[in-house]
């Protein structure tokens, strides 16, 4: 599942968490969010470097600010309330964002929008390891290379912050580190496989795929929470 998710993320910009997280959680709760998120750093670093000329540096800067705030808030939430309630709220927000986008609502990557999307991504990624949809919706009307590169650059730094926050609250330790090492080869193989999918994604247009994956991620969170 990590291999498939990595291939999708390498081609579309995100998808590792939403594809792999629900299955890994059913196998063993220790896989999510820390190990899966940490293993994804290898994938996102490769994507960011390969398509670095397409990175939206201005949007990335403000998205990173929002991501940091969202991560800290999520860590606090994890120590105070159950993740179940938060996942339900977040899934509802993602579905609302998809509905607004389908209705023709446009969200250009301005400073305010980038900060807000980064904040939501930090919340989602730290709690459920599915942090792509808010940022993907923000860049849905951009080209495939720009979406992939910008999201990958943010995920590299954002995941590091999320993992550090999880370590502070005792949710990422030696066991999770070993599980991360077990997943890394699959993420790298997925990146290699993604090269054959990027041309298809770029020609078909990234927006329909982004909307579909965003809705799927919300459904995955609901299924995992209510199942």
Protein backbone atom coordinates (compact mmCIF):
# COMPACT_ATOMS: atom_id res chain seq x y z
CA UNK A 1 0.00 0.00 0.00
CA UNK A 2 2.89 2.36 0.69
CA UNK A 3 4.33 1.57 -2.73
CA UNK A 4 1.01 2.33 -4.46
CA UNK A 5 0.49 5.49 -2.40
CA UNK A 6 4.00 6.69 -3.16
CA UNK A 7 3.51 6.15 -6.89
CA UNK A 8 0.28 8.15 -6.80
CA UNK A 9 1.85 10.95 -4.76
CA UNK A 10 4.87 11.09 -7.03
CA UNK A 11 2.55 11.62 -10.00
CA UNK A 12 -0.28 13.70 -8.53
CA UNK A 13 1.43 15.60 -5.71
CA UNK A 14 -0.18 13.79 -2.78
CA UNK A 15 -1.87 10.49 -2.03
CA UNK A 16 0.51 8.44 0.12
CA UNK A 17 -1.33 9.10 3.37
CA UNK A 18 -4.86 8.78 2.09
CA UNK A 19 -4.13 5.46 0.34
CA UNK A 20 -1.87 3.79 2.88
CA UNK A 21 -2.92 5.23 6.25
CA UNK A 22 -6.36 3.54 6.60
CA UNK A 23 -4.92 0.10 5.78
CA UNK A 24 -1.86 0.52 8.00
CA UNK A 25 -4.05 1.67 10.87
CA UNK A 26 -6.13 -1.50 10.59
CA UNK A 27 -2.93 -3.58 10.69
CA UNK A 28 -1.32 -1.81 13.64
CA UNK A 29 -1.98 1.68 15.08
CA UNK A 30 1.76 2.19 15.52
CA UNK A 31 2.16 2.67 11.74
CA UNK A 32 0.17 5.94 11.80
CA UNK A 33 0.85 8.82 11.85
CA UNK A 34 4.57 8.94 12.67
CA UNK A 35 6.21 6.10 10.68
CA UNK A 36 4.15 6.66 7.53
CA UNK A 37 4.79 10.40 7.64
CA UNK A 38 8.51 9.97 8.27
CA UNK A 39 8.88 7.42 5.46
CA UNK A 40 7.16 9.86 3.13
CA UNK A 41 9.94 12.40 3.71
CA UNK A 42 12.22 10.37 1.43
CA UNK A 43 9.62 10.48 -1.33
CA UNK A 44 8.83 14.18 -1.01
CA UNK A 45 12.51 15.11 -0.88
CA UNK A 46 13.09 13.30 -4.18
CA UNK A 47 10.07 14.96 -5.83
CA UNK A 48 11.00 18.43 -4.53
CA UNK A 49 14.56 18.12 -5.81
CA UNK A 50 13.58 16.71 -9.20
CA UNK A 51 11.04 19.49 -9.92
CA UNK A 52 12.61 22.25 -7.81
CA UNK A 53 12.34 24.85 -10.60
CA UNK A 54 8.54 24.68 -10.33
CA UNK A 55 8.31 25.40 -6.59
CA UNK A 56 6.14 28.38 -5.62
CA UNK A 57 8.54 29.81 -3.05
CA UNK A 58 6.32 32.69 -1.95
CA UNK A 59 3.31 30.46 -1.36
CA UNK A 60 5.55 27.89 0.29
CA UNK A 61 6.81 30.43 2.80
CA UNK A 62 3.36 31.32 4.06
CA UNK A 63 2.10 27.73 3.90
CA UNK A 64 5.05 26.75 6.10
CA UNK A 65 4.07 29.37 8.68
CA UNK A 66 0.54 27.99 8.73
CA UNK A 67 1.80 24.40 8.85
CA UNK A 68 3.92 25.16 11.90
CA UNK A 69 0.99 26.73 13.76
CA UNK A 70 -1.32 23.88 12.77
CA UNK A 71 1.20 21.27 13.92
CA UNK A 72 1.62 22.84 17.34
CA UNK A 73 -2.14 23.15 17.77
CA UNK A 74 -2.66 19.52 16.70
CA UNK A 75 -0.06 18.30 19.19
CA UNK A 76 -1.89 20.16 21.95
CA UNK A 77 -5.21 18.70 20.80
CA UNK A 78 -3.75 15.17 20.88
CA UNK A 79 -2.85 15.61 24.53
CA UNK A 80 -6.28 16.98 25.50
CA UNK A 81 -9.00 15.30 23.41
CA UNK A 82 -9.47 12.16 21.34
CA UNK A 83 -8.37 12.10 17.73
CA UNK A 84 -11.79 10.67 16.82
CA UNK A 85 -13.64 13.96 17.22
CA UNK A 86 -10.95 15.89 15.40
CA UNK A 87 -10.91 13.46 12.47
CA UNK A 88 -14.68 13.83 12.08
CA UNK A 89 -14.40 17.63 12.01
CA UNK A 90 -11.51 17.59 9.58
CA UNK A 91 -13.19 15.13 7.22
CA UNK A 92 -16.20 17.43 7.14
CA UNK A 93 -13.99 20.40 6.28
CA UNK A 94 -12.32 18.54 3.42
CA UNK A 95 -15.67 17.50 1.96
CA UNK A 96 -16.86 21.10 2.24
CA UNK A 97 -13.73 22.33 0.45
CA UNK A 98 -14.27 19.81 -2.36
CA UNK A 99 -17.92 20.85 -2.69
CA UNK A 100 -16.99 24.53 -2.89
CA UNK A 101 -14.37 23.77 -5.52
CA UNK A 102 -16.85 21.78 -7.60
CA UNK A 103 -19.23 24.73 -7.42
CA UNK A 104 -16.57 26.88 -9.07
CA UNK A 105 -15.13 28.58 -5.98
CA UNK A 106 -11.53 29.49 -6.74
CA UNK A 107 -8.80 29.76 -4.12
CA UNK A 108 -5.66 31.24 -5.61
CA UNK A 109 -2.39 30.67 -3.70
CA UNK A 110 -2.30 34.11 -2.07
CA UNK A 111 -0.51 34.72 1.22
CA UNK A 112 -3.67 34.37 3.30
CA UNK A 113 -4.93 31.31 1.48
CA UNK A 114 -1.52 29.64 1.61
CA UNK A 115 -1.24 30.26 5.36
CA UNK A 116 -4.74 28.88 5.99
CA UNK A 117 -4.15 25.82 3.82
CA UNK A 118 -0.83 25.19 5.56
CA UNK A 119 -2.51 25.45 8.96
CA UNK A 120 -5.15 22.87 8.01
CA UNK A 121 -2.46 20.65 6.50
CA UNK A 122 -0.49 20.78 9.74
CA UNK A 123 -3.57 19.83 11.76
CA UNK A 124 -4.47 16.97 9.46
CA UNK A 125 -0.98 15.61 8.90
CA UNK A 126 -0.01 15.55 12.55
CA UNK A 127 -3.16 13.77 13.67
CA UNK A 128 -3.97 11.48 10.75
CA UNK A 129 -0.88 11.59 8.44
CA UNK A 130 -3.15 12.80 5.62
CA UNK A 131 -2.02 16.38 5.09
CA UNK A 132 -2.30 16.84 1.33
CA UNK A 133 -5.90 17.86 0.51
CA UNK A 134 -5.93 21.47 1.83
CA UNK A 135 -2.80 22.40 -0.13
CA UNK A 136 -3.78 20.35 -3.15
CA UNK A 137 -7.09 22.21 -3.31
CA UNK A 138 -5.15 25.47 -3.16
CA UNK A 139 -3.00 24.50 -6.17
CA UNK A 140 -5.60 22.48 -8.05
CA UNK A 141 -5.69 24.94 -10.97
CA UNK A 142 -1.92 25.04 -11.29
CA UNK A 143 0.04 22.68 -13.52
CA UNK A 144 1.03 19.23 -12.32
CA UNK A 145 4.76 20.04 -11.88
CA UNK A 146 4.00 23.18 -9.83
CA UNK A 147 1.56 21.33 -7.58
CA UNK A 148 3.89 18.37 -7.05
CA UNK A 149 6.98 20.47 -6.41
CA UNK A 150 5.38 22.95 -4.01
CA UNK A 151 3.55 20.32 -1.98
CA UNK A 152 6.66 18.14 -1.81
CA UNK A 153 8.83 21.03 -0.60
CA UNK A 154 6.32 21.82 2.15
CA UNK A 155 5.90 18.19 3.17
CA UNK A 156 9.64 17.74 3.66
CA UNK A 157 9.88 20.52 6.22
CA UNK A 158 6.33 20.17 7.55
CA UNK A 159 6.68 16.45 8.23
CA UNK A 160 9.89 17.08 10.16
CA UNK A 161 8.05 19.51 12.42
CA UNK A 162 5.11 17.12 12.86
CA UNK A 163 7.42 14.22 13.74
CA UNK A 164 9.26 16.38 16.29
CA UNK A 165 5.92 17.34 17.84
CA UNK A 166 4.84 13.70 18.00
CA UNK A 167 8.16 12.80 19.66
CA UNK A 168 7.66 15.49 22.30
CA UNK A 169 4.25 14.10 23.28
CA UNK A 170 5.50 10.50 23.24
CA UNK A 171 3.95 9.40 19.93
CA UNK A 172 7.22 8.79 18.03
CA UNK A 173 9.97 6.74 19.61
CA UNK A 174 12.28 3.79 18.95
CA UNK A 175 9.49 1.47 17.78
CA UNK A 176 8.17 4.04 15.33
CA UNK A 177 11.70 4.70 14.08
CA UNK A 178 12.16 1.03 13.18
CA UNK A 179 8.79 0.95 11.46
CA UNK A 180 9.82 4.01 9.45
CA UNK A 181 12.97 2.25 8.24
CA UNK A 182 10.83 -0.69 7.13
CA UNK A 183 8.63 1.57 4.96
CA UNK A 184 11.33 3.70 3.31
CA UNK A 185 12.25 1.22 0.53
CA UNK A 186 8.62 1.05 -0.60
CA UNK A 187 8.39 4.83 -0.83
CA UNK A 188 11.53 5.02 -2.98
CA UNK A 189 10.29 2.26 -5.30
CA UNK A 190 6.98 4.13 -5.57
CA UNK A 191 8.84 7.27 -6.63
CA UNK A 192 10.58 5.34 -9.39
CA UNK A 193 7.24 3.96 -10.60
CA UNK A 194 5.67 7.44 -10.54
CA UNK A 195 7.78 8.65 -13.46
CA UNK A 196 5.61 6.66 -15.83
CA UNK A 197 2.42 8.22 -14.44
CA UNK A 198 3.37 11.90 -14.43
CA UNK A 199 2.86 12.41 -18.15
CA UNK A 200 -0.63 10.94 -17.95
CA UNK A 201 -1.55 13.14 -15.00
CA UNK A 202 -0.13 16.28 -16.61
CA UNK A 203 -1.95 15.72 -19.92
CA UNK A 204 -5.29 14.89 -18.32
CA UNK A 205 -5.17 17.88 -15.98
CA UNK A 206 -4.54 17.67 -12.27
CA UNK A 207 -7.76 19.30 -10.99
CA UNK A 208 -10.18 16.34 -11.39
CA UNK A 209 -7.71 13.99 -9.76
CA UNK A 210 -7.10 16.40 -6.89
CA UNK A 211 -10.83 16.71 -6.20
CA UNK A 212 -11.34 12.96 -6.33
CA UNK A 213 -8.39 12.22 -4.05
CA UNK A 214 -9.45 14.93 -1.61
CA UNK A 215 -12.94 13.46 -1.33
CA UNK A 216 -11.43 9.99 -0.98
CA UNK A 217 -9.18 11.16 1.84
CA UNK A 218 -12.14 12.54 3.76
CA UNK A 219 -14.02 9.27 3.26
CA UNK A 220 -10.95 7.34 4.44
CA UNK A 221 -10.76 9.39 7.63
CA UNK A 222 -14.47 8.89 8.29
CA UNK A 223 -14.21 5.16 7.65
CA UNK A 224 -11.21 4.86 9.95
CA UNK A 225 -12.85 6.92 12.68
CA UNK A 226 -16.31 5.37 12.60
CA UNK A 227 -15.29 1.84 11.62
